[in-house]
Amino acid sequence: MRALIKRLTPFSNLSVQPFAATIRFFSSSSDAPKKDELKTSSEVRKNIVVEKYGGITTLNIDRQPTRNSLDEATLREMAAALEAFDKDPESKVLVFNGEGGSFCSGFDLDEIGVKGYSVLTDAAARLLRRPLCDKPTIAAVQGYAVAEGFELALACDLRIIEETAILGCLGRRFGAPQSLFGGRRLTSLIGLSRALDLLITGRPISGIDANTMGLACKLTATGTALGESIKLAKSLTKFPQNALIMDKLAAVNSQLNPNSEESMRDEAIMSSLLGSAIEDLNQGVKKFQGGIGKHGKFYRLTDMPLKDWELEESLEEITVTVEKDPKDKKS
């Protein structure tokens, strides 16, 4: 869809409205946002496109001729975009996407041949953070997500993977090690035995295989990963964010940062969020008492007045069985 729009209209002249229509295409009619929520902004850099839609930010790698491989310039643009996302109080969820049908094919081997491997690893230093961002991140995996592109998907908190996607440690063919903590992250996600299989053999797996191994939070049809990721991101923005970030950091810290400086940083962040999380909880209790979110429901969590007939009630159903007297039975 985005590629079609780009062919029809130069991006610099593209108004907000066509992109809003694209987002509406991804969302169901029942979840369609109101007019005052259709505020979008875009920032086009040389190799990436950053777009904001409410509390959702998408980072789109756009180096389609090389299946969105990562050169030094792209990595530095991504680092700047990640820092901007971290500091933006309005952005709550980040979605990684690759333009043109592929997520990311890893480091640009031609550039490694010219500049050397260390130049690209230095430029990729921001991607070594564990977690990648304090706020939730989602990878919309389509086409090829291999080598460092596979590691980038592993660095995200959640992965929506298309059935026909190809994932794997394809750098094994060229003697390239896992540069972005891919070995540690992969082992944490799917266990040592399966991780060693992929790390040692370098064999590619399909999206279906990745889902079976537990790498996907959702397996989806070809061409739908971005739309499903945006829908998931939208569902996450409705939650109070402080407790969500605390729980995420605790989980990541327990697996990836034991007894490290980063674990202490995460503990400090969690401590700073505790007061706000308690306030969110107090507000949540009031919502629950008002009938919002009862019985395990995850919709209509926003604080909005409900009519009397919309308030949920618990009813106890009692079944009474009356046994007939045997004397009353006809012979």
C-alpha atoms as a PDB file:
ATOM      1  CA  MET A   1       0.000   0.000   0.000  1.00  0.00           C
ATOM      2  CA  ARG A   2       2.749   2.475   0.980  1.00  0.00           C
ATOM      3  CA  ALA A   3       4.765   1.596  -2.122  1.00  0.00           C
ATOM      4  CA  LEU A   4       1.722   2.254  -4.304  1.00  0.00           C
ATOM      5  CA  ILE A   5       1.209   5.679  -2.742  1.00  0.00           C
ATOM      6  CA  LYS A   6       4.883   6.509  -3.269  1.00  0.00           C
ATOM      7  CA  ARG A   7       4.672   5.670  -6.972  1.00  0.00           C
ATOM      8  CA  LEU A   8       1.606   7.838  -7.427  1.00  0.00           C
ATOM      9  CA  THR A   9       2.736  10.865  -5.437  1.00  0.00           C
ATOM     10  CA  PRO A  10       6.185  12.150  -4.344  1.00  0.00           C
ATOM     11  CA  PHE A  11       6.418  11.727  -0.586  1.00  0.00           C
ATOM     12  CA  SER A  12       7.417  15.357  -0.033  1.00  0.00           C
ATOM     13  CA  ASN A  13       4.062  16.410  -1.491  1.00  0.00           C
ATOM     14  CA  LEU A  14       2.049  13.737   0.277  1.00  0.00           C
ATOM     15  CA  SER A  15      -0.601  15.126   2.550  1.00  0.00           C
ATOM     16  CA  VAL A  16      -1.587  13.632   5.881  1.00  0.00           C
ATOM     17  CA  GLN A  17      -4.928  12.384   4.616  1.00  0.00           C
ATOM     18  CA  PRO A  18      -3.696   9.506   2.363  1.00  0.00           C
ATOM     19  CA  PHE A  19      -1.686   8.046   5.242  1.00  0.00           C
ATOM     20  CA  ALA A  20      -4.678   8.339   7.536  1.00  0.00           C
ATOM     21  CA  ALA A  21      -6.638   6.359   4.957  1.00  0.00           C
ATOM     22  CA  THR A  22      -3.890   3.720   4.978  1.00  0.00           C
ATOM     23  CA  ILE A  23      -4.170   3.397   8.748  1.00  0.00           C
ATOM     24  CA  ARG A  24      -7.931   3.068   8.485  1.00  0.00           C
ATOM     25  CA  PHE A  25      -7.353   0.239   5.989  1.00  0.00           C
ATOM     26  CA  PHE A  26      -5.361  -1.611   8.662  1.00  0.00           C
ATOM     27  CA  SER A  27      -7.970  -1.059  11.380  1.00  0.00           C
ATOM     28  CA  SER A  28     -11.392  -2.602  11.581  1.00  0.00           C
ATOM     29  CA  SER A  29     -14.387  -0.326  11.230  1.00  0.00           C
ATOM     30  CA  SER A  30     -15.310  -0.790  14.870  1.00  0.00           C
ATOM     31  CA  ASP A  31     -11.880   0.515  15.925  1.00  0.00           C
ATOM     32  CA  ALA A  32     -11.830   3.452  13.507  1.00  0.00           C
ATOM     33  CA  PRO A  33     -10.410   6.542  15.252  1.00  0.00           C
ATOM     34  CA  LYS A  34     -12.287   9.784  15.584  1.00  0.00           C
ATOM     35  CA  LYS A  35     -11.429  12.747  13.379  1.00  0.00           C
ATOM     36  CA  ASP A  36      -9.553  14.552  16.138  1.00  0.00           C
ATOM     37  CA  GLU A  37      -7.293  11.494  16.567  1.00  0.00           C
ATOM     38  CA  LEU A  38      -6.122  11.446  12.930  1.00  0.00           C
ATOM     39  CA  LYS A  39      -2.988  13.464  13.585  1.00  0.00           C
ATOM     40  CA  THR A  40       0.042  12.127  11.769  1.00  0.00           C
ATOM     41  CA  SER A  41       3.540  13.346  11.095  1.00  0.00           C
ATOM     42  CA  SER A  42       6.327  11.973   8.948  1.00  0.00           C
ATOM     43  CA  GLU A  43      10.081  12.407   8.814  1.00  0.00           C
ATOM     44  CA  VAL A  44      11.901  11.170   5.729  1.00  0.00           C
ATOM     45  CA  ARG A  45      15.615  10.536   6.056  1.00  0.00           C
ATOM     46  CA  LYS A  46      17.934   9.027   3.502  1.00  0.00           C
ATOM     47  CA  ASN A  47      17.337   5.392   4.396  1.00  0.00           C
ATOM     48  CA  ILE A  48      14.453   5.329   6.869  1.00  0.00           C
ATOM     49  CA  VAL A  49      10.989   6.830   7.170  1.00  0.00           C
ATOM     50  CA  VAL A  50       9.671   7.647  10.641  1.00  0.00           C
ATOM     51  CA  GLU A  51       5.922   8.131  10.929  1.00  0.00           C
ATOM     52  CA  LYS A  52       3.814   8.963  13.964  1.00  0.00           C
ATOM     53  CA  TYR A  53       0.164   8.168  14.417  1.00  0.00           C
ATOM     54  CA  GLY A  54      -1.140   9.145  17.830  1.00  0.00           C
ATOM     55  CA  GLY A  55       0.884   7.151  20.368  1.00  0.00           C
ATOM     56  CA  ILE A  56       2.308   4.848  17.664  1.00  0.00           C
ATOM     57  CA  THR A  57       5.633   5.444  15.898  1.00  0.00           C
ATOM     58  CA  THR A  58       6.701   3.368  12.905  1.00  0.00           C
ATOM     59  CA  LEU A  59      10.346   3.110  11.842  1.00  0.00           C
ATOM     60  CA  ASN A  60      10.464   1.932   8.234  1.00  0.00           C
ATOM     61  CA  ILE A  61      13.775   0.829   6.720  1.00  0.00           C
ATOM     62  CA  ASP A  62      13.777   1.892   3.070  1.00  0.00           C
ATOM     63  CA  ARG A  63      16.712   0.365   1.176  1.00  0.00           C
ATOM     64  CA  GLN A  64      14.649  -1.859  -1.045  1.00  0.00           C
ATOM     65  CA  PRO A  65      17.269  -2.674  -3.728  1.00  0.00           C
ATOM     66  CA  THR A  66      19.300  -4.535  -1.068  1.00  0.00           C
ATOM     67  CA  ARG A  67      16.279  -6.001   0.787  1.00  0.00           C
ATOM     68  CA  ASN A  68      16.704  -3.279   3.439  1.00  0.00           C
ATOM     69  CA  SER A  69      20.258  -4.132   4.401  1.00  0.00           C
ATOM     70  CA  LEU A  70      21.946  -1.992   7.066  1.00  0.00           C
ATOM     71  CA  ASP A  71      24.834   0.245   6.075  1.00  0.00           C
ATOM     72  CA  GLU A  72      26.576   2.742   8.355  1.00  0.00           C
ATOM     73  CA  ALA A  73      24.305   5.656   7.414  1.00  0.00           C
ATOM     74  CA  THR A  74      21.136   3.634   7.999  1.00  0.00           C
ATOM     75  CA  LEU A  75      22.333   2.412  11.398  1.00  0.00           C
ATOM     76  CA  ARG A  76      23.116   5.951  12.537  1.00  0.00           C
ATOM     77  CA  GLU A  77      19.725   7.183  11.327  1.00  0.00           C
ATOM     78  CA  MET A  78      18.058   4.352  13.224  1.00  0.00           C
ATOM     79  CA  ALA A  79      19.994   5.191  16.390  1.00  0.00           C
ATOM     80  CA  ALA A  80      18.845   8.814  16.214  1.00  0.00           C
ATOM     81  CA  ALA A  81      15.256   7.733  15.605  1.00  0.00           C
ATOM     82  CA  LEU A  82      15.342   5.375  18.607  1.00  0.00           C
ATOM     83  CA  GLU A  83      16.677   8.110  20.868  1.00  0.00           C
ATOM     84  CA  ALA A  84      13.944  10.474  19.655  1.00  0.00           C
ATOM     85  CA  PHE A  85      11.293   7.827  20.318  1.00  0.00           C
ATOM     86  CA  ASP A  86      12.627   7.226  23.833  1.00  0.00           C
ATOM     87  CA  LYS A  87      12.434  10.947  24.632  1.00  0.00           C
ATOM     88  CA  ASP A  88       9.012  11.579  23.064  1.00  0.00           C
ATOM     89  CA  PRO A  89       6.384  11.471  25.846  1.00  0.00           C
ATOM     90  CA  GLU A  90       3.555  11.136  23.321  1.00  0.00           C
ATOM     91  CA  SER A  91       5.013   8.054  21.580  1.00  0.00           C
ATOM     92  CA  LYS A  92       4.142   4.874  23.459  1.00  0.00           C
ATOM     93  CA  VAL A  93       4.834   1.991  21.043  1.00  0.00           C
ATOM     94  CA  LEU A  94       7.418   1.591  18.273  1.00  0.00           C
ATOM     95  CA  VAL A  95       6.814  -0.613  15.220  1.00  0.00           C
ATOM     96  CA  PHE A  96       9.791  -1.719  13.099  1.00  0.00           C
ATOM     97  CA  ASN A  97       8.995  -2.359   9.449  1.00  0.00           C
ATOM     98  CA  GLY A  98      10.836  -2.911   6.193  1.00  0.00           C
ATOM     99  CA  GLU A  99       9.605  -1.364   2.952  1.00  0.00           C
ATOM    100  CA  GLY A 100       9.102  -3.322  -0.243  1.00  0.00           C
ATOM    101  CA  GLY A 101       8.351  -6.788   1.117  1.00  0.00           C
ATOM    102  CA  SER A 102      11.387  -7.535   3.297  1.00  0.00           C
ATOM    103  CA  PHE A 103      12.062  -6.734   6.943  1.00  0.00           C
ATOM    104  CA  CYS A 104      15.874  -6.557   6.906  1.00  0.00           C
ATOM    105  CA  SER A 105      18.620  -8.620   5.290  1.00  0.00           C
ATOM    106  CA  GLY A 106      21.352  -7.741   7.791  1.00  0.00           C
ATOM    107  CA  PHE A 107      24.562  -5.757   7.386  1.00  0.00           C
ATOM    108  CA  ASP A 108      25.399  -4.512   3.889  1.00  0.00           C
ATOM    109  CA  LEU A 109      28.158  -6.905   2.826  1.00  0.00           C
ATOM    110  CA  ASP A 110      29.389  -4.555   0.102  1.00  0.00           C
ATOM    111  CA  GLU A 111      29.966  -1.850   2.690  1.00  0.00           C
ATOM    112  CA  ILE A 112      31.715  -4.307   4.991  1.00  0.00           C
ATOM    113  CA  GLY A 113      34.050  -5.036   2.086  1.00  0.00           C
ATOM    114  CA  VAL A 114      34.849  -1.333   1.736  1.00  0.00           C
ATOM    115  CA  LYS A 115      34.764  -0.048   5.336  1.00  0.00           C
ATOM    116  CA  GLY A 116      35.291  -3.178   7.400  1.00  0.00           C
ATOM    117  CA  TYR A 117      33.114  -5.068   9.856  1.00  0.00           C
ATOM    118  CA  SER A 118      33.997  -2.943  12.890  1.00  0.00           C
ATOM    119  CA  VAL A 119      32.641   0.243  11.273  1.00  0.00           C
ATOM    120  CA  LEU A 120      29.158  -1.242  11.035  1.00  0.00           C
ATOM    121  CA  THR A 121      29.246  -2.787  14.508  1.00  0.00           C
ATOM    122  CA  ASP A 122      30.239   0.593  15.945  1.00  0.00           C
ATOM    123  CA  ALA A 123      27.344   2.254  14.115  1.00  0.00           C
ATOM    124  CA  ALA A 124      25.004  -0.441  15.461  1.00  0.00           C
ATOM    125  CA  ALA A 125      25.992   0.125  19.109  1.00  0.00           C
ATOM    126  CA  ARG A 126      22.581   1.632  19.980  1.00  0.00           C
ATOM    127  CA  LEU A 127      20.916  -1.661  19.013  1.00  0.00           C
ATOM    128  CA  LEU A 128      22.875  -3.454  21.756  1.00  0.00           C
ATOM    129  CA  ARG A 129      20.725  -1.975  24.491  1.00  0.00           C
ATOM    130  CA  ARG A 130      18.749  -4.554  26.445  1.00  0.00           C
ATOM    131  CA  PRO A 131      15.881  -3.858  26.076  1.00  0.00           C
ATOM    132  CA  LEU A 132      16.090  -2.011  22.786  1.00  0.00           C
ATOM    133  CA  CYS A 133      13.787   0.688  24.228  1.00  0.00           C
ATOM    134  CA  ASP A 134      12.117   1.006  27.610  1.00  0.00           C
ATOM    135  CA  LYS A 135       8.755   1.389  25.871  1.00  0.00           C
ATOM    136  CA  PRO A 136       7.216  -1.538  23.906  1.00  0.00           C
ATOM    137  CA  THR A 137       8.624  -2.413  20.487  1.00  0.00           C
ATOM    138  CA  ILE A 138       7.064  -4.600  17.784  1.00  0.00           C
ATOM    139  CA  ALA A 139       8.698  -6.119  14.690  1.00  0.00           C
ATOM    140  CA  ALA A 140       6.468  -6.486  11.618  1.00  0.00           C
ATOM    141  CA  VAL A 141       8.374  -9.380  10.018  1.00  0.00           C
ATOM    142  CA  GLN A 142       7.840 -10.002   6.317  1.00  0.00           C
ATOM    143  CA  GLY A 143      10.059 -11.362   3.571  1.00  0.00           C
ATOM    144  CA  TYR A 144      13.667 -11.730   4.713  1.00  0.00           C
ATOM    145  CA  ALA A 145      14.647 -11.167   8.358  1.00  0.00           C
ATOM    146  CA  VAL A 146      18.109 -12.709   8.310  1.00  0.00           C
ATOM    147  CA  ALA A 147      21.570 -12.184   9.811  1.00  0.00           C
ATOM    148  CA  GLU A 148      21.508  -8.866  11.712  1.00  0.00           C
ATOM    149  CA  GLY A 149      17.962  -8.364  10.443  1.00  0.00           C
ATOM    150  CA  PHE A 150      17.012 -11.500  12.378  1.00  0.00           C
ATOM    151  CA  GLU A 151      18.792 -10.066  15.405  1.00  0.00           C
ATOM    152  CA  LEU A 152      16.871  -6.806  15.037  1.00  0.00           C
ATOM    153  CA  ALA A 153      13.600  -8.726  15.116  1.00  0.00           C
ATOM    154  CA  LEU A 154      14.808 -10.623  18.195  1.00  0.00           C
ATOM    155  CA  ALA A 155      15.665  -7.324  19.891  1.00  0.00           C
ATOM    156  CA  CYS A 156      12.025  -6.203  19.687  1.00  0.00           C
ATOM    157  CA  ASP A 157       9.647  -7.169  22.472  1.00  0.00           C
ATOM    158  CA  LEU A 158       7.015  -8.684  20.193  1.00  0.00           C
ATOM    159  CA  ARG A 159       7.110 -10.113  16.678  1.00  0.00           C
ATOM    160  CA  ILE A 160       4.230 -10.449  14.247  1.00  0.00           C
ATOM    161  CA  ILE A 161       5.537 -12.767  11.532  1.00  0.00           C
ATOM    162  CA  GLU A 162       4.085 -13.553   8.130  1.00  0.00           C
ATOM    163  CA  GLU A 163       3.771 -17.213   7.155  1.00  0.00           C
ATOM    164  CA  THR A 164       6.089 -16.820   4.151  1.00  0.00           C
ATOM    165  CA  ALA A 165       8.790 -14.854   5.979  1.00  0.00           C
ATOM    166  CA  ILE A 166      12.334 -16.263   6.015  1.00  0.00           C
ATOM    167  CA  LEU A 167      14.336 -15.922   9.227  1.00  0.00           C
ATOM    168  CA  GLY A 168      17.733 -17.213  10.299  1.00  0.00           C
ATOM    169  CA  CYS A 169      21.406 -16.687  11.090  1.00  0.00           C
ATOM    170  CA  LEU A 170      22.477 -16.565   7.464  1.00  0.00           C
ATOM    171  CA  GLY A 171      25.693 -14.774   8.395  1.00  0.00           C
ATOM    172  CA  ARG A 172      26.966 -18.243   9.300  1.00  0.00           C
ATOM    173  CA  ARG A 173      27.759 -18.738   5.599  1.00  0.00           C
ATOM    174  CA  PHE A 174      30.279 -15.881   5.667  1.00  0.00           C
ATOM    175  CA  GLY A 175      31.736 -16.375   9.144  1.00  0.00           C
ATOM    176  CA  ALA A 176      29.874 -13.421  10.624  1.00  0.00           C
ATOM    177  CA  PRO A 177      29.133 -13.778  14.350  1.00  0.00           C
ATOM    178  CA  GLN A 178      25.974 -12.543  16.029  1.00  0.00           C
ATOM    179  CA  SER A 179      26.663  -8.832  16.384  1.00  0.00           C
ATOM    180  CA  LEU A 180      23.613  -7.616  18.323  1.00  0.00           C
ATOM    181  CA  PHE A 181      23.399 -10.117  21.204  1.00  0.00           C
ATOM    182  CA  GLY A 182      21.416 -12.381  18.892  1.00  0.00           C
ATOM    183  CA  GLY A 183      22.731 -15.566  20.524  1.00  0.00           C
ATOM    184  CA  ARG A 184      21.702 -14.468  24.004  1.00  0.00           C
ATOM    185  CA  ARG A 185      18.349 -13.117  22.898  1.00  0.00           C
ATOM    186  CA  LEU A 186      17.517 -16.166  20.797  1.00  0.00           C
ATOM    187  CA  THR A 187      18.403 -18.548  23.643  1.00  0.00           C
ATOM    188  CA  SER A 188      16.287 -16.539  26.058  1.00  0.00           C
ATOM    189  CA  LEU A 189      13.299 -16.693  23.721  1.00  0.00           C
ATOM    190  CA  ILE A 190      13.293 -20.312  22.533  1.00  0.00           C
ATOM    191  CA  GLY A 191      15.685 -22.220  24.782  1.00  0.00           C
ATOM    192  CA  LEU A 192      19.240 -23.497  24.370  1.00  0.00           C
ATOM    193  CA  SER A 193      18.608 -26.566  22.215  1.00  0.00           C
ATOM    194  CA  ARG A 194      16.612 -24.825  19.501  1.00  0.00           C
ATOM    195  CA  ALA A 195      18.834 -21.739  19.622  1.00  0.00           C
ATOM    196  CA  LEU A 196      21.972 -23.841  19.096  1.00  0.00           C
ATOM    197  CA  ASP A 197      20.327 -25.539  16.115  1.00  0.00           C
ATOM    198  CA  LEU A 198      19.779 -22.176  14.385  1.00  0.00           C
ATOM    199  CA  LEU A 199      23.050 -20.597  15.524  1.00  0.00           C
ATOM    200  CA  ILE A 200      25.326 -23.491  14.557  1.00  0.00           C
ATOM    201  CA  THR A 201      23.694 -24.581  11.301  1.00  0.00           C
ATOM    202  CA  GLY A 202      22.644 -21.136  10.114  1.00  0.00           C
ATOM    203  CA  ARG A 203      19.648 -22.773   8.449  1.00  0.00           C
ATOM    204  CA  PRO A 204      16.751 -20.513   7.466  1.00  0.00           C
ATOM    205  CA  ILE A 205      13.289 -21.129   8.874  1.00  0.00           C
ATOM    206  CA  SER A 206       9.872 -20.046   7.648  1.00  0.00           C
ATOM    207  CA  GLY A 207       7.446 -17.860   9.519  1.00  0.00           C
ATOM    208  CA  ILE A 208       5.447 -20.992  10.342  1.00  0.00           C
ATOM    209  CA  ASP A 209       8.558 -22.622  11.838  1.00  0.00           C
ATOM    210  CA  ALA A 210       9.340 -19.453  13.801  1.00  0.00           C
ATOM    211  CA  ASN A 211       5.840 -19.438  15.240  1.00  0.00           C
ATOM    212  CA  THR A 212       6.137 -23.100  16.246  1.00  0.00           C
ATOM    213  CA  MET A 213       9.380 -22.307  18.059  1.00  0.00           C
ATOM    214  CA  GLY A 214       7.720 -19.491  19.983  1.00  0.00           C
ATOM    215  CA  LEU A 215       9.298 -16.498  18.237  1.00  0.00           C
ATOM    216  CA  ALA A 216       6.010 -14.982  17.050  1.00  0.00           C
ATOM    217  CA  CYS A 217       3.313 -13.463  19.207  1.00  0.00           C
ATOM    218  CA  LYS A 218       1.112 -13.827  16.127  1.00  0.00           C
ATOM    219  CA  LEU A 219       1.445 -15.627  12.783  1.00  0.00           C
ATOM    220  CA  THR A 220      -0.273 -13.772   9.980  1.00  0.00           C
ATOM    221  CA  ALA A 221      -0.879 -13.980   6.236  1.00  0.00           C
ATOM    222  CA  THR A 222       1.495 -12.555   3.641  1.00  0.00           C
ATOM    223  CA  GLY A 223       1.208  -8.795   3.322  1.00  0.00           C
ATOM    224  CA  THR A 224      -0.517  -8.214   6.658  1.00  0.00           C
ATOM    225  CA  ALA A 225       2.344  -7.969   9.194  1.00  0.00           C
ATOM    226  CA  LEU A 226       2.441  -4.163   9.285  1.00  0.00           C
ATOM    227  CA  GLY A 227      -1.314  -3.793   9.593  1.00  0.00           C
ATOM    228  CA  GLU A 228      -1.509  -6.394  12.361  1.00  0.00           C
ATOM    229  CA  SER A 229       1.423  -4.752  14.153  1.00  0.00           C
ATOM    230  CA  ILE A 230      -0.269  -1.360  14.078  1.00  0.00           C
ATOM    231  CA  LYS A 231      -3.467  -2.895  15.416  1.00  0.00           C
ATOM    232  CA  LEU A 232      -1.512  -4.536  18.227  1.00  0.00           C
ATOM    233  CA  ALA A 233       0.335  -1.291  18.971  1.00  0.00           C
ATOM    234  CA  LYS A 234      -2.949   0.575  19.122  1.00  0.00           C
ATOM    235  CA  SER A 235      -4.298  -1.942  21.631  1.00  0.00           C
ATOM    236  CA  LEU A 236      -1.228  -1.400  23.845  1.00  0.00           C
ATOM    237  CA  THR A 237      -1.545   2.387  23.942  1.00  0.00           C
ATOM    238  CA  LYS A 238      -4.791   2.171  25.905  1.00  0.00           C
ATOM    239  CA  PHE A 239      -3.072   0.624  28.939  1.00  0.00           C
ATOM    240  CA  PRO A 240      -1.506   2.698  31.755  1.00  0.00           C
ATOM    241  CA  GLN A 241       2.141   2.701  30.681  1.00  0.00           C
ATOM    242  CA  ASN A 242       4.095   2.837  33.954  1.00  0.00           C
ATOM    243  CA  ALA A 243       3.246  -0.663  35.196  1.00  0.00           C
ATOM    244  CA  LEU A 244       3.524  -2.040  31.657  1.00  0.00           C
ATOM    245  CA  ILE A 245       7.108  -0.733  31.356  1.00  0.00           C
ATOM    246  CA  MET A 246       7.977  -1.951  34.862  1.00  0.00           C
ATOM    247  CA  ASP A 247       6.823  -5.489  34.106  1.00  0.00           C
ATOM    248  CA  LYS A 248       8.573  -5.505  30.734  1.00  0.00           C
ATOM    249  CA  LEU A 249      11.883  -4.348  32.232  1.00  0.00           C
ATOM    250  CA  ALA A 250      11.638  -6.899  35.026  1.00  0.00           C
ATOM    251  CA  ALA A 251      11.130  -9.707  32.506  1.00  0.00           C
ATOM    252  CA  VAL A 252      13.951  -8.589  30.197  1.00  0.00           C
ATOM    253  CA  ASN A 253      16.273  -7.931  33.119  1.00  0.00           C
ATOM    254  CA  SER A 254      15.737 -11.421  34.512  1.00  0.00           C
ATOM    255  CA  GLN A 255      16.821 -12.993  31.222  1.00  0.00           C
ATOM    256  CA  LEU A 256      19.274 -10.642  29.538  1.00  0.00           C
ATOM    257  CA  ASN A 257      20.869  -8.397  32.155  1.00  0.00           C
ATOM    258  CA  PRO A 258      21.670 -10.432  35.286  1.00  0.00           C
ATOM    259  CA  ASN A 259      24.084  -8.589  37.609  1.00  0.00           C
ATOM    260  CA  SER A 260      25.024  -5.940  35.076  1.00  0.00           C
ATOM    261  CA  GLU A 261      25.148  -2.158  34.906  1.00  0.00           C
ATOM    262  CA  GLU A 262      22.149  -2.269  32.594  1.00  0.00           C
ATOM    263  CA  SER A 263      20.171  -4.240  35.169  1.00  0.00           C
ATOM    264  CA  MET A 264      20.871  -1.496  37.722  1.00  0.00           C
ATOM    265  CA  ARG A 265      19.706   1.099  35.202  1.00  0.00           C
ATOM    266  CA  ASP A 266      16.511  -0.872  34.661  1.00  0.00           C
ATOM    267  CA  GLU A 267      15.970  -1.189  38.422  1.00  0.00           C
ATOM    268  CA  ALA A 268      16.341   2.587  38.742  1.00  0.00           C
ATOM    269  CA  ILE A 269      13.793   3.154  35.985  1.00  0.00           C
ATOM    270  CA  MET A 270      11.352   0.727  37.594  1.00  0.00           C
ATOM    271  CA  SER A 271      11.755   2.457  40.965  1.00  0.00           C
ATOM    272  CA  SER A 272      11.113   5.865  39.406  1.00  0.00           C
ATOM    273  CA  LEU A 273       7.938   4.549  37.775  1.00  0.00           C
ATOM    274  CA  LEU A 274       6.537   2.993  40.935  1.00  0.00           C
ATOM    275  CA  GLY A 275       4.820   6.131  42.227  1.00  0.00           C
ATOM    276  CA  SER A 276       3.132   6.800  38.885  1.00  0.00           C
ATOM    277  CA  ALA A 277       2.162   3.133  38.561  1.00  0.00           C
ATOM    278  CA  ILE A 278       0.444   3.248  41.951  1.00  0.00           C
ATOM    279  CA  GLU A 279      -1.499   6.322  40.853  1.00  0.00           C
ATOM    280  CA  ASP A 280      -2.486   4.517  37.640  1.00  0.00           C
ATOM    281  CA  LEU A 281      -3.626   1.584  39.762  1.00  0.00           C
ATOM    282  CA  ASN A 282      -5.761   3.844  41.935  1.00  0.00           C
ATOM    283  CA  GLN A 283      -7.430   5.193  38.812  1.00  0.00           C
ATOM    284  CA  GLY A 284      -7.847   1.631  37.534  1.00  0.00           C
ATOM    285  CA  VAL A 285      -9.628   0.609  40.729  1.00  0.00           C
ATOM    286  CA  LYS A 286     -12.089   3.463  40.260  1.00  0.00           C
ATOM    287  CA  LYS A 287     -12.714   2.371  36.659  1.00  0.00           C
ATOM    288  CA  PHE A 288     -13.339  -1.200  37.753  1.00  0.00           C
ATOM    289  CA  GLN A 289     -15.715  -0.066  40.445  1.00  0.00           C
ATOM    290  CA  GLY A 290     -17.555   1.919  37.785  1.00  0.00           C
ATOM    291  CA  GLY A 291     -18.062  -1.204  35.670  1.00  0.00           C
ATOM    292  CA  ILE A 292     -15.137  -0.821  33.204  1.00  0.00           C
ATOM    293  CA  GLY A 293     -13.052  -3.934  32.440  1.00  0.00           C
ATOM    294  CA  LYS A 294     -14.997  -6.358  34.591  1.00  0.00           C
ATOM    295  CA  HIS A 295     -15.123 -10.082  33.832  1.00  0.00           C
ATOM    296  CA  GLY A 296     -11.720 -10.016  32.106  1.00  0.00           C
ATOM    297  CA  LYS A 297     -12.803  -7.738  29.249  1.00  0.00           C
ATOM    298  CA  PHE A 298     -10.045  -5.770  27.456  1.00  0.00           C
ATOM    299  CA  TYR A 299     -12.233  -3.409  25.450  1.00  0.00           C
ATOM    300  CA  ARG A 300     -13.761  -0.062  26.480  1.00  0.00           C
ATOM    301  CA  LEU A 301     -10.962   0.586  28.964  1.00  0.00           C
ATOM    302  CA  THR A 302     -10.948   4.319  28.380  1.00  0.00           C
ATOM    303  CA  ASP A 303     -12.586   6.444  31.033  1.00  0.00           C
ATOM    304  CA  MET A 304     -15.914   7.231  29.445  1.00  0.00           C
ATOM    305  CA  PRO A 305     -19.375   7.593  30.946  1.00  0.00           C
ATOM    306  CA  LEU A 306     -21.559   4.537  30.571  1.00  0.00           C
ATOM    307  CA  LYS A 307     -25.287   4.482  30.389  1.00  0.00           C
ATOM    308  CA  ASP A 308     -27.195   2.455  32.950  1.00  0.00           C
ATOM    309  CA  TRP A 309     -27.969  -0.305  30.497  1.00  0.00           C
ATOM    310  CA  GLU A 310     -24.256  -0.603  29.563  1.00  0.00           C
ATOM    311  CA  LEU A 311     -23.080  -1.278  33.099  1.00  0.00           C
ATOM    312  CA  GLU A 312     -22.177  -4.901  33.566  1.00  0.00           C
ATOM    313  CA  GLU A 313     -23.830  -6.950  36.259  1.00  0.00           C
ATOM    314  CA  SER A 314     -23.110 -10.406  37.600  1.00  0.00           C
ATOM    315  CA  LEU A 315     -26.112 -12.709  37.706  1.00  0.00           C
ATOM    316  CA  GLU A 316     -26.198 -16.033  39.469  1.00  0.00           C
ATOM    317  CA  GLU A 317     -28.115 -18.663  37.602  1.00  0.00           C
ATOM    318  CA  ILE A 318     -29.777 -21.330  39.760  1.00  0.00           C
ATOM    319  CA  THR A 319     -31.122 -24.475  38.188  1.00  0.00           C
ATOM    320  CA  VAL A 320     -33.861 -26.259  40.137  1.00  0.00           C
ATOM    321  CA  THR A 321     -34.618 -29.865  39.270  1.00  0.00           C
ATOM    322  CA  VAL A 322     -37.975 -31.223  40.469  1.00  0.00           C
ATOM    323  CA  GLU A 323     -38.202 -34.992  40.709  1.00  0.00           C
ATOM    324  CA  LYS A 324     -41.631 -36.543  40.241  1.00  0.00           C
ATOM    325  CA  ASP A 325     -43.054 -38.863  42.839  1.00  0.00           C
ATOM    326  CA  PRO A 326     -42.883 -42.463  41.557  1.00  0.00           C
ATOM    327  CA  LYS A 327     -46.535 -42.892  42.545  1.00  0.00           C
ATOM    328  CA  ASP A 328     -47.499 -40.216  40.020  1.00  0.00           C
ATOM    329  CA  LYS A 329     -45.950 -42.164  37.117  1.00  0.00           C
ATOM    330  CA  LYS A 330     -48.399 -44.012  34.905  1.00  0.00           C
ATOM    331  CA  SER A 331     -48.019 -47.725  34.762  1.00  0.00           C
END
